[in-house]
Structures are given as structure tokens and as C-alpha cells.
Amino acid sequence: MEILSSAVMTQGKRLNIYFTDEDDLKLYAEISTAAKNEKRSMSQMVKILVSDGLANRQKQKELT
């Protein structure tokens, strides 16, 4: 009898981010609020914000 795997999960990368000082905690609260408003997980929201931020940085580099 042959058993086929229905899904193969690729191994992802992990990043731990610590929010420790007052400014970090404010940023965490903003991310948390945005995630709740968009009904996303914190991880999803961080990925979206980082992606947007990188795209904006690239645009800025192209303008200079």
C-alpha cells in the first residue's frame, strides 16, 4: 500500500522581535491595534508592515 503525503510544508525562518523600551511598547500597541482592525495575526501584520516599509525605502532610493 502506497501512502502519499497530501501536503509538504517547507521549513520557514523564524524571527523573534522584542519590544522593551517605551517607544517599542508604543509601536507594539500600534501594530496590535492595526492587526485587530484588519483581523490579522500579529505575525501577518508585521510581515505586511515590513514589506510596505521595504517597498517605500526602495522608492526613496530610486528618487535619489
N, C-alpha and C. Protein backbone atom coordinates (compact mmCIF):
# COMPACT_ATOMS: atom_id res chain seq x y z
N MET A 1 0.84 -1.18 0.00
CA MET A 1 0.00 0.00 0.00
C MET A 1 0.89 1.24 0.00
N GLU A 2 0.61 2.15 -0.91
CA GLU A 2 1.40 3.38 -1.04
C GLU A 2 0.66 4.53 -0.35
N ILE A 3 1.38 5.24 0.49
CA ILE A 3 0.79 6.39 1.19
C ILE A 3 1.41 7.65 0.63
N LEU A 4 0.57 8.54 0.13
CA LEU A 4 1.05 9.79 -0.44
C LEU A 4 0.87 10.91 0.58
N SER A 5 1.84 11.76 0.64
CA SER A 5 1.74 12.93 1.51
C SER A 5 0.83 13.96 0.85
N SER A 6 -0.14 14.45 1.58
CA SER A 6 -1.08 15.40 0.99
C SER A 6 -0.51 16.81 0.94
N ALA A 7 0.42 17.13 1.82
CA ALA A 7 1.00 18.47 1.81
C ALA A 7 2.43 18.40 2.33
N VAL A 8 3.28 19.13 1.69
CA VAL A 8 4.66 19.20 2.12
C VAL A 8 4.92 20.62 2.60
N MET A 9 5.22 20.73 3.86
CA MET A 9 5.49 22.05 4.44
C MET A 9 6.97 22.37 4.30
N THR A 10 7.25 23.52 3.75
CA THR A 10 8.63 23.95 3.70
C THR A 10 9.00 24.54 5.05
N GLN A 11 10.25 24.42 5.38
CA GLN A 11 10.69 24.95 6.67
C GLN A 11 10.89 26.45 6.54
N GLY A 12 10.22 27.20 7.38
CA GLY A 12 10.31 28.65 7.34
C GLY A 12 11.42 29.17 8.22
N LYS A 13 11.59 30.45 8.19
CA LYS A 13 12.57 31.12 9.03
C LYS A 13 11.83 31.77 10.18
N ARG A 14 12.50 31.92 11.29
CA ARG A 14 11.87 32.48 12.49
C ARG A 14 12.62 33.72 12.92
N LEU A 15 11.86 34.73 13.34
CA LEU A 15 12.43 35.98 13.84
C LEU A 15 11.70 36.36 15.12
N ASN A 16 12.44 36.49 16.18
CA ASN A 16 11.86 36.95 17.44
C ASN A 16 12.13 38.44 17.57
N ILE A 17 11.10 39.19 17.84
CA ILE A 17 11.23 40.64 17.99
C ILE A 17 10.81 40.98 19.42
N TYR A 18 11.64 41.73 20.11
CA TYR A 18 11.35 42.12 21.48
C TYR A 18 11.04 43.60 21.54
N PHE A 19 9.97 43.95 22.19
CA PHE A 19 9.56 45.33 22.39
C PHE A 19 9.78 45.63 23.87
N THR A 20 10.82 46.40 24.19
CA THR A 20 11.19 46.54 25.60
C THR A 20 11.08 47.96 26.14
N ASP A 21 11.54 48.95 25.40
CA ASP A 21 11.50 50.31 25.96
C ASP A 21 10.17 50.98 25.62
N GLU A 22 9.97 52.18 26.13
CA GLU A 22 8.68 52.87 25.99
C GLU A 22 8.27 53.06 24.54
N ASP A 23 9.22 53.49 23.69
CA ASP A 23 8.90 53.68 22.27
C ASP A 23 8.53 52.36 21.60
N ASP A 24 9.25 51.29 21.96
CA ASP A 24 8.95 49.97 21.41
C ASP A 24 7.54 49.52 21.81
N LEU A 25 7.18 49.79 23.06
CA LEU A 25 5.86 49.36 23.54
C LEU A 25 4.74 50.13 22.84
N LYS A 26 5.00 51.39 22.52
CA LYS A 26 4.02 52.17 21.76
C LYS A 26 3.87 51.59 20.35
N LEU A 27 5.00 51.24 19.75
CA LEU A 27 4.97 50.64 18.42
C LEU A 27 4.22 49.31 18.45
N TYR A 28 4.48 48.50 19.48
CA TYR A 28 3.78 47.23 19.63
C TYR A 28 2.27 47.45 19.71
N ALA A 29 1.86 48.45 20.49
CA ALA A 29 0.43 48.74 20.64
C ALA A 29 -0.18 49.16 19.30
N GLU A 30 0.56 49.94 18.51
CA GLU A 30 0.06 50.36 17.20
C GLU A 30 -0.08 49.17 16.26
N ILE A 31 0.90 48.29 16.28
CA ILE A 31 0.85 47.10 15.42
C ILE A 31 -0.31 46.21 15.86
N SER A 32 -0.46 46.04 17.15
CA SER A 32 -1.54 45.21 17.68
C SER A 32 -2.90 45.76 17.29
N THR A 33 -3.08 47.07 17.40
CA THR A 33 -4.35 47.70 17.02
C THR A 33 -4.62 47.52 15.53
N ALA A 34 -3.60 47.74 14.71
CA ALA A 34 -3.77 47.57 13.26
C ALA A 34 -4.14 46.13 12.93
N ALA A 35 -3.49 45.18 13.58
CA ALA A 35 -3.77 43.76 13.34
C ALA A 35 -5.22 43.43 13.70
N LYS A 36 -5.68 43.94 14.83
CA LYS A 36 -7.06 43.68 15.25
C LYS A 36 -8.05 44.32 14.28
N ASN A 37 -7.76 45.55 13.85
CA ASN A 37 -8.66 46.25 12.93
C ASN A 37 -8.78 45.53 11.60
N GLU A 38 -7.68 44.92 11.16
CA GLU A 38 -7.67 44.22 9.87
C GLU A 38 -7.93 42.72 10.02
N LYS A 39 -8.20 42.30 11.26
CA LYS A 39 -8.46 40.89 11.57
C LYS A 39 -7.32 40.00 11.08
N ARG A 40 -6.11 40.38 11.46
CA ARG A 40 -4.91 39.62 11.10
C ARG A 40 -4.17 39.23 12.37
N SER A 41 -3.30 38.25 12.25
CA SER A 41 -2.44 37.91 13.37
C SER A 41 -1.32 38.95 13.46
N MET A 42 -0.66 39.00 14.59
CA MET A 42 0.46 39.92 14.74
C MET A 42 1.56 39.58 13.72
N SER A 43 1.79 38.31 13.52
CA SER A 43 2.82 37.89 12.57
C SER A 43 2.49 38.37 11.16
N GLN A 44 1.24 38.19 10.75
CA GLN A 44 0.83 38.66 9.42
C GLN A 44 0.99 40.16 9.31
N MET A 45 0.59 40.88 10.36
CA MET A 45 0.65 42.35 10.32
C MET A 45 2.09 42.82 10.23
N VAL A 46 2.99 42.21 10.98
CA VAL A 46 4.40 42.60 10.94
C VAL A 46 4.96 42.35 9.54
N LYS A 47 4.62 41.22 8.93
CA LYS A 47 5.10 40.92 7.58
C LYS A 47 4.62 41.97 6.58
N ILE A 48 3.36 42.36 6.69
CA ILE A 48 2.80 43.36 5.78
C ILE A 48 3.50 44.70 5.98
N LEU A 49 3.67 45.11 7.23
CA LEU A 49 4.30 46.40 7.50
C LEU A 49 5.76 46.43 7.06
N VAL A 50 6.46 45.35 7.27
CA VAL A 50 7.86 45.28 6.83
C VAL A 50 7.94 45.32 5.31
N SER A 51 7.07 44.57 4.65
CA SER A 51 7.04 44.58 3.19
C SER A 51 6.75 45.97 2.64
N ASP A 52 5.76 46.65 3.23
CA ASP A 52 5.44 48.02 2.81
C ASP A 52 6.61 48.96 3.06
N GLY A 53 7.23 48.81 4.21
CA GLY A 53 8.36 49.67 4.55
C GLY A 53 9.54 49.47 3.60
N LEU A 54 9.82 48.23 3.25
CA LEU A 54 10.91 47.96 2.31
C LEU A 54 10.60 48.53 0.93
N ALA A 55 9.36 48.41 0.50
CA ALA A 55 8.97 48.97 -0.80
C ALA A 55 9.14 50.48 -0.80
N ASN A 56 8.73 51.14 0.30
CA ASN A 56 8.89 52.59 0.40
C ASN A 56 10.35 53.01 0.41
N ARG A 57 11.18 52.25 1.10
CA ARG A 57 12.62 52.55 1.12
C ARG A 57 13.22 52.42 -0.27
N GLN A 58 12.79 51.40 -1.01
CA GLN A 58 13.29 51.20 -2.37
C GLN A 58 12.90 52.38 -3.26
N LYS A 59 11.66 52.85 -3.12
CA LYS A 59 11.20 54.00 -3.90
C LYS A 59 12.04 55.23 -3.57
N GLN A 60 12.33 55.43 -2.29
CA GLN A 60 13.14 56.57 -1.88
C GLN A 60 14.55 56.51 -2.47
N LYS A 61 15.12 55.31 -2.50
CA LYS A 61 16.45 55.14 -3.08
C LYS A 61 16.44 55.46 -4.58
N GLU A 62 15.37 55.07 -5.24
CA GLU A 62 15.27 55.33 -6.68
C GLU A 62 15.11 56.82 -6.98
N LEU A 63 14.53 57.56 -6.05
CA LEU A 63 14.35 59.00 -6.25
C LEU A 63 15.63 59.80 -6.02
N THR A 64 16.56 59.23 -5.29
CA THR A 64 17.82 59.96 -5.01
C THR A 64 18.92 59.60 -5.94
